């Protein structure tokens, strides 16, 4: 204690950069309370937007969507059927060459039956939405398209246009 030498605590986060905590005290408290919208990460905010957009569809079609899961992936890991003309199968919602969502049908995975699921690709969708309201509308539009494909009905049946 009386050596006059200050010791510094060096922490190495997962990213590999070094952080200095000069006094060894760490954060004095949380930066933002968890109930403040700014405290949510981008992926958490996107997940909340997906749930909000799907709620309007689920209210009307809940009985027929009990076997459907909704998932979010950061980026698409699928390629177009024909790279020359960029054609996508019916179960993919895309903006040109970039897929935004995909319907994965019922199947088998490691001997276990899997449920059908809609996979939304977060980053391409966020890149196409200018504002938060646009994001919610875009997600809703994509979900309507995907649910229509899943149920084998027209999109206007899922979400009728206002009269």
N, C-alpha and C. Protein backbone atom coordinates (compact mmCIF):
# COMPACT_ATOMS: atom_id res chain seq x y z
N UNK A 1 0.81 -1.18 0.00
CA UNK A 1 0.00 0.00 0.00
C UNK A 1 0.85 1.25 0.00
N UNK A 2 1.91 1.28 0.71
CA UNK A 2 2.70 2.48 0.83
C UNK A 2 3.84 2.55 -0.17
N UNK A 3 3.83 1.77 -1.22
CA UNK A 3 4.93 1.77 -2.18
C UNK A 3 4.88 2.96 -3.11
N UNK A 4 3.75 3.65 -3.18
CA UNK A 4 3.63 4.80 -4.06
C UNK A 4 3.43 4.40 -5.51
N UNK A 5 3.36 3.12 -5.77
CA UNK A 5 3.18 2.63 -7.13
C UNK A 5 1.70 2.34 -7.37
N UNK A 6 1.17 2.86 -8.48
CA UNK A 6 -0.23 2.59 -8.80
C UNK A 6 -0.30 1.38 -9.72
N UNK A 7 -1.21 0.53 -9.40
CA UNK A 7 -1.40 -0.64 -10.25
C UNK A 7 -2.62 -0.42 -11.13
N UNK A 8 -2.51 -0.85 -12.36
CA UNK A 8 -3.59 -0.71 -13.31
C UNK A 8 -4.14 -2.08 -13.65
N UNK A 9 -5.43 -2.15 -13.68
CA UNK A 9 -6.09 -3.39 -14.05
C UNK A 9 -6.35 -3.36 -15.54
N UNK A 10 -5.83 -4.32 -16.26
CA UNK A 10 -6.03 -4.39 -17.70
C UNK A 10 -6.97 -5.56 -17.97
N UNK A 11 -8.04 -5.28 -18.68
CA UNK A 11 -8.98 -6.32 -19.05
C UNK A 11 -8.93 -6.50 -20.55
N UNK A 12 -9.05 -7.71 -20.98
CA UNK A 12 -9.06 -8.02 -22.41
C UNK A 12 -10.43 -8.55 -22.78
N UNK A 13 -11.24 -7.71 -23.41
CA UNK A 13 -12.55 -8.20 -23.85
C UNK A 13 -12.40 -9.15 -25.02
N UNK A 14 -13.51 -9.78 -25.40
CA UNK A 14 -13.47 -10.78 -26.46
C UNK A 14 -12.95 -10.22 -27.77
N UNK A 15 -13.15 -8.94 -28.03
CA UNK A 15 -12.72 -8.36 -29.30
C UNK A 15 -11.21 -8.25 -29.43
N UNK A 16 -10.48 -8.46 -28.35
CA UNK A 16 -9.04 -8.43 -28.42
C UNK A 16 -8.44 -7.07 -28.09
N UNK A 17 -9.22 -6.00 -28.03
CA UNK A 17 -8.67 -4.70 -27.69
C UNK A 17 -8.50 -4.61 -26.18
N UNK A 18 -7.71 -3.68 -25.74
CA UNK A 18 -7.43 -3.55 -24.31
C UNK A 18 -8.21 -2.38 -23.73
N UNK A 19 -8.80 -2.60 -22.60
CA UNK A 19 -9.50 -1.55 -21.88
C UNK A 19 -8.73 -1.26 -20.60
N UNK A 20 -8.66 -0.01 -20.26
CA UNK A 20 -7.98 0.36 -19.03
C UNK A 20 -9.00 0.76 -17.98
N UNK A 21 -8.87 0.22 -16.84
CA UNK A 21 -9.69 0.60 -15.71
C UNK A 21 -8.71 1.17 -14.70
N UNK A 22 -8.46 2.48 -14.77
CA UNK A 22 -7.37 3.10 -14.04
C UNK A 22 -7.40 2.87 -12.54
N UNK A 23 -8.55 2.90 -11.97
CA UNK A 23 -8.62 2.78 -10.51
C UNK A 23 -9.06 1.41 -10.04
N UNK A 24 -9.34 0.51 -10.98
CA UNK A 24 -9.74 -0.83 -10.60
C UNK A 24 -11.15 -0.93 -10.06
N UNK A 25 -11.98 0.09 -10.32
CA UNK A 25 -13.33 0.10 -9.77
C UNK A 25 -14.38 -0.42 -10.75
N UNK A 26 -14.10 -0.39 -12.03
CA UNK A 26 -15.10 -0.81 -13.01
C UNK A 26 -16.18 0.24 -13.15
N UNK A 27 -17.27 -0.14 -13.76
CA UNK A 27 -18.39 0.78 -13.91
C UNK A 27 -19.02 1.03 -12.54
N UNK A 28 -19.42 2.24 -12.31
CA UNK A 28 -20.05 2.58 -11.03
C UNK A 28 -21.51 2.19 -11.00
N UNK A 29 -22.11 1.99 -12.14
CA UNK A 29 -23.51 1.61 -12.21
C UNK A 29 -23.89 1.32 -13.65
N UNK A 30 -25.12 0.97 -13.85
CA UNK A 30 -25.55 0.70 -15.20
C UNK A 30 -25.66 2.01 -15.97
N UNK A 31 -25.35 1.97 -17.26
CA UNK A 31 -25.40 3.17 -18.06
C UNK A 31 -26.82 3.61 -18.34
N UNK A 32 -27.65 2.65 -18.71
CA UNK A 32 -29.06 2.93 -18.98
C UNK A 32 -29.91 1.85 -18.33
N UNK A 33 -31.01 2.23 -17.72
CA UNK A 33 -31.90 1.21 -17.16
C UNK A 33 -32.45 0.33 -18.28
N UNK A 34 -32.74 -0.91 -17.99
CA UNK A 34 -33.17 -1.87 -19.01
C UNK A 34 -34.51 -1.51 -19.65
N UNK A 35 -35.33 -0.72 -18.98
CA UNK A 35 -36.64 -0.37 -19.53
C UNK A 35 -36.58 0.80 -20.52
N UNK A 36 -35.44 1.44 -20.67
CA UNK A 36 -35.28 2.54 -21.61
C UNK A 36 -35.00 1.95 -22.99
N UNK A 37 -35.72 2.40 -24.04
CA UNK A 37 -35.52 1.82 -25.37
C UNK A 37 -34.07 1.86 -25.86
N UNK A 38 -33.32 2.87 -25.48
CA UNK A 38 -31.93 2.98 -25.94
C UNK A 38 -31.03 1.89 -25.33
N UNK A 39 -31.49 1.23 -24.28
CA UNK A 39 -30.69 0.19 -23.66
C UNK A 39 -30.69 -1.10 -24.47
N UNK A 40 -31.66 -1.25 -25.36
CA UNK A 40 -31.76 -2.48 -26.17
C UNK A 40 -30.76 -2.43 -27.32
N UNK A 41 -30.19 -3.57 -27.63
CA UNK A 41 -29.28 -3.66 -28.76
C UNK A 41 -30.08 -3.61 -30.05
N UNK A 42 -29.39 -3.45 -31.18
CA UNK A 42 -30.08 -3.41 -32.47
C UNK A 42 -30.82 -4.71 -32.72
N UNK A 43 -30.20 -5.83 -32.38
CA UNK A 43 -30.86 -7.12 -32.62
C UNK A 43 -32.08 -7.29 -31.71
N UNK A 44 -32.00 -6.81 -30.47
CA UNK A 44 -33.15 -6.89 -29.57
C UNK A 44 -34.29 -6.00 -30.07
N UNK A 45 -33.96 -4.82 -30.57
CA UNK A 45 -34.98 -3.92 -31.12
C UNK A 45 -35.62 -4.53 -32.36
N UNK A 46 -34.81 -5.19 -33.19
CA UNK A 46 -35.34 -5.83 -34.39
C UNK A 46 -36.27 -6.98 -34.01
N UNK A 47 -35.87 -7.79 -33.04
CA UNK A 47 -36.71 -8.89 -32.57
C UNK A 47 -38.05 -8.37 -32.07
N UNK A 48 -38.02 -7.26 -31.34
CA UNK A 48 -39.27 -6.67 -30.83
C UNK A 48 -40.15 -6.20 -31.99
N UNK A 49 -39.53 -5.63 -33.02
CA UNK A 49 -40.29 -5.17 -34.20
C UNK A 49 -40.91 -6.36 -34.93
N UNK A 50 -40.19 -7.47 -35.01
CA UNK A 50 -40.73 -8.67 -35.65
C UNK A 50 -41.95 -9.18 -34.89
N UNK A 51 -41.84 -9.23 -33.58
CA UNK A 51 -42.97 -9.70 -32.77
C UNK A 51 -44.17 -8.76 -32.91
N UNK A 52 -43.91 -7.46 -32.95
CA UNK A 52 -45.00 -6.49 -33.10
C UNK A 52 -45.66 -6.63 -34.47
N UNK A 53 -44.86 -6.80 -35.53
CA UNK A 53 -45.41 -6.93 -36.88
C UNK A 53 -46.17 -8.24 -37.04
N UNK A 54 -45.69 -9.30 -36.41
CA UNK A 54 -46.35 -10.59 -36.52
C UNK A 54 -47.64 -10.66 -35.70
N UNK A 55 -47.72 -9.86 -34.65
CA UNK A 55 -48.90 -9.90 -33.78
C UNK A 55 -50.18 -9.60 -34.56
N UNK A 56 -50.12 -8.65 -35.48
CA UNK A 56 -51.31 -8.30 -36.27
C UNK A 56 -51.76 -9.47 -37.15
N UNK A 57 -50.82 -10.23 -37.66
CA UNK A 57 -51.15 -11.40 -38.49
C UNK A 57 -51.64 -12.54 -37.60
N UNK A 58 -50.98 -12.72 -36.48
CA UNK A 58 -51.31 -13.83 -35.58
C UNK A 58 -52.71 -13.71 -35.00
N UNK A 59 -53.16 -12.49 -34.75
CA UNK A 59 -54.51 -12.29 -34.21
C UNK A 59 -55.54 -12.91 -35.13
N UNK A 60 -55.37 -12.71 -36.42
CA UNK A 60 -56.35 -13.19 -37.38
C UNK A 60 -56.16 -14.66 -37.76
N UNK A 61 -54.93 -15.13 -37.81
CA UNK A 61 -54.63 -16.45 -38.34
C UNK A 61 -54.03 -17.41 -37.31
N UNK A 62 -54.20 -17.13 -36.04
CA UNK A 62 -53.56 -17.93 -34.99
C UNK A 62 -53.81 -19.43 -35.11
N UNK A 63 -55.04 -19.83 -35.38
CA UNK A 63 -55.37 -21.26 -35.45
C UNK A 63 -54.61 -21.99 -36.55
N UNK A 64 -54.30 -21.29 -37.64
CA UNK A 64 -53.60 -21.94 -38.76
C UNK A 64 -52.09 -21.75 -38.69
N UNK A 65 -51.60 -20.97 -37.70
CA UNK A 65 -50.16 -20.71 -37.60
C UNK A 65 -49.53 -21.35 -36.37
N UNK A 66 -50.22 -22.27 -35.74
CA UNK A 66 -49.66 -22.90 -34.53
C UNK A 66 -48.46 -23.77 -34.84
N UNK A 67 -48.30 -24.19 -36.10
CA UNK A 67 -47.17 -25.04 -36.47
C UNK A 67 -46.05 -24.25 -37.13
N UNK A 68 -46.05 -22.92 -36.99
CA UNK A 68 -45.08 -22.05 -37.65
C UNK A 68 -44.24 -21.32 -36.61
N UNK A 69 -42.93 -21.33 -36.81
CA UNK A 69 -42.01 -20.58 -35.96
C UNK A 69 -41.48 -19.38 -36.75
N UNK A 70 -41.08 -18.35 -36.03
CA UNK A 70 -40.46 -17.17 -36.62
C UNK A 70 -39.04 -17.09 -36.06
N UNK A 71 -38.06 -16.91 -36.95
CA UNK A 71 -36.67 -16.81 -36.53
C UNK A 71 -36.01 -15.62 -37.21
N UNK A 72 -34.92 -15.15 -36.62
CA UNK A 72 -34.16 -14.03 -37.18
C UNK A 72 -32.72 -14.48 -37.31
N UNK A 73 -32.14 -14.21 -38.48
CA UNK A 73 -30.73 -14.49 -38.72
C UNK A 73 -30.09 -13.17 -39.13
N UNK A 74 -28.82 -13.00 -38.84
CA UNK A 74 -28.12 -11.76 -39.18
C UNK A 74 -28.09 -11.51 -40.68
N UNK A 75 -27.59 -12.48 -41.41
CA UNK A 75 -27.42 -12.34 -42.85
C UNK A 75 -27.90 -13.61 -43.55
N UNK A 76 -28.28 -13.49 -44.82
CA UNK A 76 -28.71 -14.71 -45.54
C UNK A 76 -27.52 -15.59 -45.88
N UNK A 77 -27.75 -16.87 -45.84
CA UNK A 77 -26.71 -17.84 -46.23
C UNK A 77 -27.24 -18.73 -47.34
N UNK A 78 -27.98 -18.11 -48.26
CA UNK A 78 -28.54 -18.85 -49.39
C UNK A 78 -28.14 -18.14 -50.67
N UNK A 79 -28.09 -18.90 -51.73
CA UNK A 79 -27.73 -18.36 -53.04
C UNK A 79 -28.92 -18.48 -53.98
N UNK A 80 -29.00 -17.60 -54.98
CA UNK A 80 -30.12 -17.70 -55.93
C UNK A 80 -30.06 -18.98 -56.73
N UNK A 81 -31.23 -19.41 -57.19
CA UNK A 81 -31.32 -20.61 -58.02
C UNK A 81 -30.46 -20.46 -59.27
N UNK A 82 -30.58 -19.32 -59.91
CA UNK A 82 -29.83 -19.04 -61.13
C UNK A 82 -29.08 -17.72 -60.93
N UNK A 83 -27.78 -17.76 -60.68
CA UNK A 83 -27.02 -16.53 -60.41
C UNK A 83 -27.03 -15.54 -61.58
N UNK A 84 -27.22 -16.03 -62.80
CA UNK A 84 -27.23 -15.14 -63.97
C UNK A 84 -28.47 -14.24 -63.96
N UNK A 85 -29.63 -14.81 -63.74
CA UNK A 85 -30.86 -14.03 -63.79
C UNK A 85 -31.39 -13.69 -62.41
N UNK A 86 -30.75 -14.16 -61.37
CA UNK A 86 -31.14 -13.96 -59.97
C UNK A 86 -32.62 -14.28 -59.77
N UNK A 87 -32.96 -15.54 -59.96
CA UNK A 87 -34.33 -15.97 -59.71
C UNK A 87 -34.36 -16.72 -58.38
N UNK A 88 -35.38 -16.41 -57.59
CA UNK A 88 -35.54 -17.02 -56.27
C UNK A 88 -36.77 -17.91 -56.28
N UNK A 89 -36.75 -18.98 -55.50
CA UNK A 89 -37.96 -19.80 -55.37
C UNK A 89 -39.06 -19.00 -54.67
N UNK A 90 -40.27 -19.52 -54.71
CA UNK A 90 -41.42 -18.83 -54.13
C UNK A 90 -41.28 -18.60 -52.62
N UNK A 91 -40.54 -19.48 -51.96
CA UNK A 91 -40.43 -19.39 -50.50
C UNK A 91 -39.41 -18.36 -50.03
N UNK A 92 -38.79 -17.60 -50.96
CA UNK A 92 -37.82 -16.57 -50.60
C UNK A 92 -38.39 -15.20 -50.98
N UNK A 93 -38.38 -14.28 -50.03
CA UNK A 93 -38.73 -12.89 -50.31
C UNK A 93 -37.42 -12.15 -50.48
N UNK A 94 -37.24 -11.49 -51.63
CA UNK A 94 -35.97 -10.84 -51.92
C UNK A 94 -36.18 -9.46 -52.51
N UNK A 95 -35.14 -8.67 -52.39
CA UNK A 95 -35.07 -7.37 -53.05
C UNK A 95 -33.94 -7.50 -54.07
N UNK A 96 -34.31 -7.87 -55.29
CA UNK A 96 -33.30 -8.11 -56.32
C UNK A 96 -32.47 -9.33 -55.98
N UNK A 97 -31.18 -9.12 -55.86
CA UNK A 97 -30.26 -10.23 -55.58
C UNK A 97 -30.11 -10.52 -54.09
N UNK A 98 -30.76 -9.73 -53.25
CA UNK A 98 -30.58 -9.88 -51.80
C UNK A 98 -31.84 -10.47 -51.16
N UNK A 99 -31.73 -11.68 -50.58
CA UNK A 99 -32.89 -12.26 -49.88
C UNK A 99 -33.14 -11.54 -48.56
N UNK A 100 -34.42 -11.33 -48.27
CA UNK A 100 -34.81 -10.68 -47.02
C UNK A 100 -35.41 -11.66 -46.02
N UNK A 101 -36.03 -12.73 -46.53
CA UNK A 101 -36.64 -13.74 -45.67
C UNK A 101 -36.79 -15.03 -46.45
N UNK A 102 -36.97 -16.12 -45.70
CA UNK A 102 -37.13 -17.42 -46.34
C UNK A 102 -38.05 -18.28 -45.48
N UNK A 103 -38.91 -19.03 -46.15
CA UNK A 103 -39.76 -20.00 -45.48
C UNK A 103 -39.09 -21.35 -45.55
N UNK A 104 -38.78 -21.91 -44.41
CA UNK A 104 -38.18 -23.24 -44.34
C UNK A 104 -39.31 -24.21 -44.04
N UNK A 105 -39.60 -25.14 -44.96
CA UNK A 105 -40.75 -26.03 -44.77
C UNK A 105 -40.51 -27.06 -43.66
N UNK A 106 -41.58 -27.74 -43.31
CA UNK A 106 -41.49 -28.84 -42.34
C UNK A 106 -40.53 -29.87 -42.89
N UNK A 107 -39.72 -30.45 -42.02
CA UNK A 107 -38.75 -31.43 -42.49
C UNK A 107 -38.17 -32.25 -41.35
N UNK A 108 -37.02 -32.81 -41.63
CA UNK A 108 -36.32 -33.62 -40.64
C UNK A 108 -34.93 -33.03 -40.42
N UNK A 109 -34.48 -33.02 -39.16
CA UNK A 109 -33.15 -32.56 -38.82
C UNK A 109 -32.59 -33.51 -37.77
N UNK A 110 -31.58 -34.25 -38.17
CA UNK A 110 -30.95 -35.23 -37.28
C UNK A 110 -31.95 -36.23 -36.73
N UNK A 111 -32.86 -36.65 -37.60
CA UNK A 111 -33.84 -37.66 -37.21
C UNK A 111 -35.04 -37.12 -36.47
N UNK A 112 -35.08 -35.83 -36.20
CA UNK A 112 -36.20 -35.22 -35.48
C UNK A 112 -37.02 -34.38 -36.45
N UNK A 113 -38.33 -34.46 -36.32
CA UNK A 113 -39.21 -33.64 -37.16
C UNK A 113 -39.06 -32.18 -36.76
N UNK A 114 -38.99 -31.30 -37.76
CA UNK A 114 -38.89 -29.86 -37.49
C UNK A 114 -40.15 -29.17 -37.96
N UNK A 115 -40.47 -28.07 -37.31
CA UNK A 115 -41.63 -27.28 -37.68
C UNK A 115 -41.25 -26.32 -38.80
N UNK A 116 -42.23 -25.87 -39.54
CA UNK A 116 -41.99 -24.85 -40.56
C UNK A 116 -41.59 -23.55 -39.86
N UNK A 117 -40.72 -22.77 -40.50
CA UNK A 117 -40.33 -21.51 -39.88
C UNK A 117 -40.01 -20.46 -40.95
N UNK A 118 -40.30 -19.24 -40.59
CA UNK A 118 -39.94 -18.09 -41.42
C UNK A 118 -38.68 -17.52 -40.82
N UNK A 119 -37.64 -17.39 -41.64
CA UNK A 119 -36.38 -16.81 -41.19
C UNK A 119 -36.24 -15.44 -41.84
N UNK A 120 -36.19 -14.41 -41.00
CA UNK A 120 -35.98 -13.04 -41.48
C UNK A 120 -34.50 -12.70 -41.37
N UNK A 121 -33.95 -12.03 -42.36
CA UNK A 121 -32.54 -11.66 -42.36
C UNK A 121 -32.41 -10.20 -41.93
N UNK A 122 -31.93 -9.99 -40.72
CA UNK A 122 -31.95 -8.69 -40.06
C UNK A 122 -31.20 -7.60 -40.83
N UNK A 123 -29.96 -7.81 -41.16
CA UNK A 123 -29.16 -6.74 -41.75
C UNK A 123 -29.68 -6.26 -43.10
N UNK A 124 -30.04 -7.15 -44.03
CA UNK A 124 -30.59 -6.65 -45.29
C UNK A 124 -31.91 -5.89 -45.10
N UNK A 125 -32.72 -6.32 -44.16
CA UNK A 125 -33.99 -5.63 -43.92
C UNK A 125 -33.73 -4.26 -43.32
N UNK A 126 -32.84 -4.18 -42.33
CA UNK A 126 -32.52 -2.90 -41.72
C UNK A 126 -31.91 -1.93 -42.73
N UNK A 127 -31.13 -2.45 -43.67
CA UNK A 127 -30.50 -1.59 -44.67
C UNK A 127 -31.53 -0.95 -45.60
N UNK A 128 -32.69 -1.57 -45.75
CA UNK A 128 -33.71 -1.06 -46.65
C UNK A 128 -34.73 -0.16 -45.97
N UNK A 129 -34.71 -0.09 -44.67
CA UNK A 129 -35.65 0.75 -43.93
C UNK A 129 -34.95 2.04 -43.50
N UNK A 130 -35.53 3.15 -43.86
CA UNK A 130 -34.93 4.45 -43.52
C UNK A 130 -35.21 4.86 -42.08
N UNK A 131 -36.42 4.56 -41.59
CA UNK A 131 -36.84 4.95 -40.24
C UNK A 131 -37.44 3.74 -39.55
N UNK A 132 -37.66 3.88 -38.25
CA UNK A 132 -38.22 2.77 -37.47
C UNK A 132 -39.62 2.39 -37.96
N UNK A 133 -40.42 3.40 -38.37
CA UNK A 133 -41.76 3.11 -38.88
C UNK A 133 -41.67 2.32 -40.19
N UNK A 134 -40.70 2.69 -41.03
CA UNK A 134 -40.49 1.97 -42.29
C UNK A 134 -40.09 0.52 -42.01
N UNK A 135 -39.27 0.34 -40.99
CA UNK A 135 -38.81 -1.00 -40.63
C UNK A 135 -40.00 -1.88 -40.24
N UNK A 136 -40.87 -1.37 -39.42
CA UNK A 136 -42.04 -2.13 -38.98
C UNK A 136 -42.94 -2.47 -40.16
N UNK A 137 -43.15 -1.52 -41.06
CA UNK A 137 -43.97 -1.76 -42.25
C UNK A 137 -43.33 -2.80 -43.16
N UNK A 138 -42.02 -2.70 -43.36
CA UNK A 138 -41.32 -3.65 -44.21
C UNK A 138 -41.37 -5.06 -43.63
N UNK A 139 -41.14 -5.18 -42.34
CA UNK A 139 -41.21 -6.49 -41.69
C UNK A 139 -42.61 -7.07 -41.83
N UNK A 140 -43.62 -6.24 -41.61
CA UNK A 140 -45.01 -6.71 -41.74
C UNK A 140 -45.28 -7.20 -43.17
N UNK A 141 -44.84 -6.44 -44.15
CA UNK A 141 -45.04 -6.82 -45.56
C UNK A 141 -44.35 -8.16 -45.87
N UNK A 142 -43.14 -8.33 -45.38
CA UNK A 142 -42.40 -9.58 -45.60
C UNK A 142 -43.11 -10.74 -44.92
N UNK A 143 -43.56 -10.54 -43.69
CA UNK A 143 -44.26 -11.61 -42.97
C UNK A 143 -45.57 -11.98 -43.66
N UNK A 144 -46.28 -10.99 -44.20
CA UNK A 144 -47.52 -11.28 -44.94
C UNK A 144 -47.21 -12.16 -46.13
N UNK A 145 -46.15 -11.83 -46.89
CA UNK A 145 -45.77 -12.64 -48.05
C UNK A 145 -45.42 -14.07 -47.64
N UNK A 146 -44.64 -14.20 -46.59
CA UNK A 146 -44.19 -15.52 -46.15
C UNK A 146 -45.34 -16.35 -45.58
N UNK A 147 -46.23 -15.75 -44.81
CA UNK A 147 -47.37 -16.48 -44.26
C UNK A 147 -48.30 -16.91 -45.39
N UNK A 148 -48.47 -16.06 -46.40
CA UNK A 148 -49.31 -16.41 -47.56
C UNK A 148 -48.74 -17.64 -48.27
N UNK A 149 -47.43 -17.69 -48.44
CA UNK A 149 -46.80 -18.85 -49.08
C UNK A 149 -46.99 -20.09 -48.19
N UNK A 150 -46.79 -19.92 -46.89
CA UNK A 150 -46.94 -21.04 -45.95
C UNK A 150 -48.35 -21.62 -45.99
N UNK A 151 -49.36 -20.76 -46.03
CA UNK A 151 -50.75 -21.22 -46.01
C UNK A 151 -51.30 -21.52 -47.40
N UNK A 152 -50.55 -21.12 -48.44
CA UNK A 152 -51.00 -21.36 -49.81
C UNK A 152 -52.18 -20.49 -50.21
N UNK A 153 -52.19 -19.25 -49.73
CA UNK A 153 -53.26 -18.31 -50.06
C UNK A 153 -52.66 -17.04 -50.64
N UNK A 154 -53.53 -16.16 -51.12
CA UNK A 154 -53.10 -14.88 -51.66
C UNK A 154 -52.73 -13.93 -50.52
N UNK A 155 -51.80 -13.00 -50.78
CA UNK A 155 -51.37 -12.04 -49.75
C UNK A 155 -52.53 -11.17 -49.27
N UNK A 156 -53.44 -10.83 -50.17
CA UNK A 156 -54.59 -9.99 -49.77
C UNK A 156 -55.53 -10.73 -48.83
N UNK A 157 -55.47 -12.04 -48.83
CA UNK A 157 -56.27 -12.82 -47.89
C UNK A 157 -55.69 -12.69 -46.49
N UNK A 158 -54.36 -12.68 -46.39
CA UNK A 158 -53.69 -12.57 -45.09
C UNK A 158 -53.88 -11.17 -44.53
N UNK A 159 -53.64 -10.16 -45.34
CA UNK A 159 -53.73 -8.76 -44.91
C UNK A 159 -54.52 -7.97 -45.94
N UNK A 160 -55.86 -7.96 -45.81
CA UNK A 160 -56.68 -7.27 -46.82
C UNK A 160 -56.35 -5.79 -46.87
N UNK A 161 -56.37 -5.22 -48.08
CA UNK A 161 -56.11 -3.77 -48.20
C UNK A 161 -57.25 -2.99 -47.56
N UNK A 162 -56.95 -1.81 -47.02
CA UNK A 162 -58.03 -1.00 -46.40
C UNK A 162 -59.02 -0.53 -47.46
N UNK A 163 -60.26 -0.47 -47.06
CA UNK A 163 -61.31 -0.08 -48.02
C UNK A 163 -61.58 1.39 -47.96
